[in-house]
Amino acid sequence: MIGEGELAALAALAVPARAAGSAAYHKAPRPYLGLAVPQIEALVAEWRASLDVPGRVALADALWCSNIHEARIAAAKLLTQARIGDDAQVWQLIASWVPEFDAWAIADHAAAAGGRRLVAHPERLDEMEGWIAHPNMWARRAALTFTLPWTRLPHPKPADEAVRARVLGWATVLTPDRDWFIQKAIAWWLRDLSKHDADRARGWLGEHGRTLKPFALKEASKYL
């Protein structure tokens, strides 16, 4: 069965004492193995080298469906790649995970994979627009974390500027959401943007900053 050997390889590295601590820290109810991220990355590098894109998609799906914390991180890392020829299946799989997000670590690793697919095909932002009204807080947050690559462009093109304006519009819609993770994500987006487009970040904060929680406003303004 797809993924059996890979799951066994992850389980072979399990550290029960660390797994208990990880479960307590992340709080999401699922199995934990207690692996460090570099251990997962080393295994993923081996698997990726032996698989084509459809094979990686199939394995990532199997790893995700196991619901094991480290396996879900491995699934995301397996699909984190800048250039993929036909990436439709990759994007579809990553997007299908979003409604299931329930903890920051898995959500952020998946965002790293999804962000690369968005950069490759920015038209997918149309699909993402609905995430900002999703009942799952983590899906709403994903609208910001998936689009972080646009905050980090030193020389954005007009199309990139349009994406920045669009996502800041999403941030405006989300500011009344008082959940700590939503506020943190808005602050993260503005903080990273301010390093490359201080005027745009300052302008948004001047108009909307007072609607953020104090900690988020402080974080967003860190480099201004």
Protein backbone atom coordinates (compact mmCIF):
# COMPACT_ATOMS: atom_id res chain seq x y z
CA MET A 1 0.00 0.00 0.00
CA ILE A 2 1.20 3.51 -0.84
CA GLY A 3 2.94 5.13 2.11
CA GLU A 4 3.37 2.05 4.30
CA GLY A 5 7.15 1.99 3.97
CA GLU A 6 7.44 5.73 4.47
CA LEU A 7 5.24 5.68 7.55
CA ALA A 8 7.35 2.84 8.92
CA ALA A 9 10.50 4.90 8.31
CA LEU A 10 9.01 7.79 10.28
CA ALA A 11 7.88 5.50 13.09
CA ALA A 12 11.34 3.95 13.34
CA LEU A 13 12.69 7.34 14.46
CA ALA A 14 9.98 7.95 17.07
CA VAL A 15 10.96 9.36 20.44
CA PRO A 16 8.01 8.71 22.79
CA ALA A 17 9.06 11.23 25.43
CA ARG A 18 9.40 14.00 22.87
CA ALA A 19 6.15 12.89 21.22
CA ALA A 20 4.27 13.49 24.47
CA GLY A 21 5.69 16.98 24.69
CA SER A 22 4.80 17.70 21.09
CA ALA A 23 1.22 16.54 21.63
CA ALA A 24 0.90 18.82 24.66
CA TYR A 25 2.36 21.75 22.74
CA HIS A 26 0.38 21.48 19.50
CA LYS A 27 -2.81 20.33 21.25
CA ALA A 28 -4.44 18.96 18.08
CA PRO A 29 -5.74 15.43 18.76
CA ARG A 30 -3.64 13.16 16.55
CA PRO A 31 -0.69 10.74 16.89
CA TYR A 32 2.75 12.28 17.40
CA LEU A 33 6.10 10.59 16.91
CA GLY A 34 8.44 13.19 18.41
CA LEU A 35 10.63 13.71 15.33
CA ALA A 36 12.58 16.88 14.68
CA VAL A 37 11.94 18.69 11.40
CA PRO A 38 15.46 17.98 10.00
CA GLN A 39 14.78 14.26 10.44
CA ILE A 40 11.59 14.58 8.43
CA GLU A 41 13.36 16.63 5.76
CA ALA A 42 16.09 14.00 5.38
CA LEU A 43 13.53 11.28 4.74
CA VAL A 44 11.52 13.46 2.37
CA ALA A 45 14.64 14.20 0.31
CA GLU A 46 15.14 10.47 -0.23
CA TRP A 47 11.51 9.90 -1.19
CA ARG A 48 11.34 12.86 -3.54
CA ALA A 49 14.43 11.71 -5.44
CA SER A 50 12.79 8.42 -6.38
CA LEU A 51 9.35 9.71 -7.39
CA ASP A 52 7.83 11.63 -10.28
CA VAL A 53 5.19 14.28 -9.62
CA PRO A 54 2.19 11.89 -9.68
CA GLY A 55 4.09 9.59 -7.33
CA ARG A 56 4.81 12.44 -4.93
CA VAL A 57 1.17 13.49 -4.99
CA ALA A 58 0.03 9.94 -4.23
CA LEU A 59 2.51 9.57 -1.39
CA ALA A 60 1.68 13.00 0.05
CA ASP A 61 -2.00 12.09 0.03
CA ALA A 62 -1.31 8.82 1.87
CA LEU A 63 0.91 10.53 4.44
CA TRP A 64 -1.67 13.23 5.07
CA CYS A 65 -4.48 10.71 5.44
CA SER A 66 -2.53 8.91 8.18
CA ASN A 67 -3.26 11.94 10.40
CA ILE A 68 0.15 11.54 12.08
CA HIS A 69 1.65 14.94 12.88
CA GLU A 70 5.06 14.23 11.37
CA ALA A 71 3.55 12.48 8.35
CA ARG A 72 1.43 15.54 7.56
CA ILE A 73 4.51 17.73 7.75
CA ALA A 74 6.31 15.27 5.47
CA ALA A 75 3.38 15.42 3.03
CA ALA A 76 3.66 19.20 2.83
CA LYS A 77 7.43 19.11 2.43
CA LEU A 78 7.15 16.49 -0.30
CA LEU A 79 5.19 19.02 -2.37
CA THR A 80 7.29 22.09 -1.51
CA GLN A 81 9.09 22.83 -4.75
CA ALA A 82 9.54 26.01 -6.76
CA ARG A 83 9.15 24.59 -10.26
CA ILE A 84 6.73 21.82 -11.16
CA GLY A 85 5.66 21.39 -14.77
CA ASP A 86 2.03 20.33 -14.54
CA ASP A 87 1.18 21.17 -10.97
CA ALA A 88 -2.64 21.03 -11.10
CA GLN A 89 -2.82 17.84 -9.02
CA VAL A 90 -0.32 19.25 -6.54
CA TRP A 91 -2.36 22.40 -6.01
CA GLN A 92 -5.64 20.49 -5.79
CA LEU A 93 -4.24 18.26 -3.06
CA ILE A 94 -2.76 21.12 -1.04
CA ALA A 95 -5.98 23.14 -1.33
CA SER A 96 -7.99 20.11 -0.19
CA TRP A 97 -6.01 20.08 3.05
CA VAL A 98 -6.90 23.65 4.01
CA PRO A 99 -10.34 22.94 5.56
CA GLU A 100 -8.66 20.29 7.74
CA PHE A 101 -6.05 22.64 9.26
CA ASP A 102 -6.23 22.63 13.05
CA ALA A 103 -2.76 23.60 14.27
CA TRP A 104 -0.14 26.12 13.24
CA ALA A 105 2.83 23.87 12.45
CA ILE A 106 1.11 21.68 9.86
CA ALA A 107 -0.74 24.68 8.45
CA ASP A 108 2.49 26.65 8.01
CA HIS A 109 4.38 23.82 6.33
CA ALA A 110 1.46 23.37 3.95
CA ALA A 111 1.45 27.12 3.32
CA ALA A 112 5.08 26.96 2.23
CA ALA A 113 4.10 24.38 -0.39
CA GLY A 114 0.94 26.18 -1.42
CA GLY A 115 2.63 29.55 -1.71
CA ARG A 116 4.95 28.24 -4.40
CA ARG A 117 1.99 26.96 -6.40
CA LEU A 118 0.32 30.36 -6.10
CA VAL A 119 3.42 32.15 -7.34
CA ALA A 120 3.48 29.77 -10.32
CA HIS A 121 -0.22 30.41 -11.02
CA PRO A 122 -1.49 33.63 -9.38
CA GLU A 123 -4.94 33.10 -10.93
CA ARG A 124 -5.50 30.61 -8.11
CA LEU A 125 -6.02 33.61 -5.83
CA ASP A 126 -9.56 33.71 -7.21
CA GLU A 127 -10.19 30.29 -5.66
CA MET A 128 -8.62 31.41 -2.39
CA GLU A 129 -10.82 34.47 -2.02
CA GLY A 130 -13.50 32.34 -0.40
CA TRP A 131 -11.12 31.22 2.32
CA ILE A 132 -11.41 34.53 4.17
CA ALA A 133 -15.04 33.69 5.02
CA HIS A 134 -14.41 30.03 5.85
CA PRO A 135 -15.83 28.80 9.18
CA ASN A 136 -12.46 27.23 10.04
CA MET A 137 -10.19 29.91 11.49
CA TRP A 138 -7.12 28.13 10.12
CA ALA A 139 -8.53 28.32 6.58
CA ARG A 140 -9.12 32.05 6.98
CA ARG A 141 -5.56 32.39 8.23
CA ALA A 142 -4.30 30.44 5.20
CA ALA A 143 -5.42 33.25 2.90
CA LEU A 144 -2.61 35.27 4.46
CA THR A 145 0.06 32.64 5.07
CA PHE A 146 -0.20 31.19 1.55
CA THR A 147 0.33 34.64 0.04
CA LEU A 148 3.39 35.62 2.09
CA PRO A 149 5.74 35.23 -0.94
CA TRP A 150 4.35 38.50 -2.32
CA THR A 151 5.50 40.38 0.77
CA ARG A 152 9.10 39.41 0.10
CA LEU A 153 9.60 40.55 -3.49
CA PRO A 154 12.33 43.21 -3.69
CA HIS A 155 11.31 44.31 -7.21
CA PRO A 156 7.59 43.60 -7.65
CA LYS A 157 5.99 43.89 -11.08
CA PRO A 158 2.64 45.66 -11.53
CA ALA A 159 0.85 42.31 -11.25
CA ASP A 160 2.62 41.67 -7.94
CA GLU A 161 1.61 45.11 -6.69
CA ALA A 162 -1.98 44.21 -7.54
CA VAL A 163 -1.70 41.02 -5.49
CA ARG A 164 -0.36 42.96 -2.54
CA ALA A 165 -3.29 45.35 -2.73
CA ARG A 166 -5.73 42.45 -3.03
CA VAL A 167 -4.38 40.59 0.00
CA LEU A 168 -4.29 43.74 2.08
CA GLY A 169 -7.97 44.02 1.23
CA TRP A 170 -8.44 40.53 2.67
CA ALA A 171 -6.51 41.62 5.76
CA THR A 172 -8.91 44.54 6.14
CA VAL A 173 -11.86 42.15 6.05
CA LEU A 174 -10.19 39.95 8.67
CA THR A 175 -9.20 42.67 11.15
CA PRO A 176 -12.47 42.38 13.15
CA ASP A 177 -11.61 38.70 13.76
CA ARG A 178 -10.15 38.79 17.26
CA ASP A 179 -8.62 35.30 17.19
CA TRP A 180 -4.95 35.52 18.21
CA PHE A 181 -3.75 33.52 15.19
CA ILE A 182 -5.64 35.72 12.72
CA GLN A 183 -4.27 38.87 14.31
CA LYS A 184 -0.77 37.37 14.30
CA ALA A 185 -1.07 36.45 10.61
CA ILE A 186 -2.13 39.98 9.67
CA ALA A 187 0.81 41.35 11.65
CA TRP A 188 3.16 38.84 10.00
CA TRP A 189 2.02 39.91 6.53
CA LEU A 190 2.45 43.63 7.30
CA ARG A 191 5.77 43.13 9.07
CA ASP A 192 7.28 41.22 6.16
CA LEU A 193 5.81 43.64 3.62
CA SER A 194 7.30 46.60 5.47
CA LYS A 195 10.81 45.32 4.74
CA HIS A 196 10.29 45.76 0.99
CA ASP A 197 7.37 48.18 0.67
CA ALA A 198 7.36 50.33 3.75
CA ASP A 199 5.09 52.98 2.25
CA ARG A 200 2.32 50.50 1.46
CA ALA A 201 2.58 48.87 4.88
CA ARG A 202 2.61 52.26 6.61
CA GLY A 203 -0.38 53.40 4.59
CA TRP A 204 -2.44 50.34 5.51
CA LEU A 205 -1.53 50.64 9.17
CA GLY A 206 -2.36 54.33 9.16
CA GLU A 207 -5.85 53.52 7.94
CA HIS A 208 -6.54 50.23 9.71
CA GLY A 209 -3.88 49.75 12.39
CA ARG A 210 -6.14 50.88 15.21
CA THR A 211 -8.50 48.00 14.46
CA LEU A 212 -5.77 45.47 15.30
CA LYS A 213 -5.11 44.13 18.74
CA PRO A 214 -2.23 46.02 20.43
CA PHE A 215 0.22 43.09 20.15
CA ALA A 216 -0.53 42.73 16.42
CA LEU A 217 -0.10 46.44 15.75
CA LYS A 218 3.24 46.38 17.55
CA GLU A 219 4.39 43.35 15.54
CA ALA A 220 3.19 44.80 12.24
CA SER A 221 5.04 48.06 12.92
CA LYS A 222 8.27 46.41 14.06
CA TYR A 223 10.41 47.59 11.12
CA LEU A 224 8.69 50.91 10.48
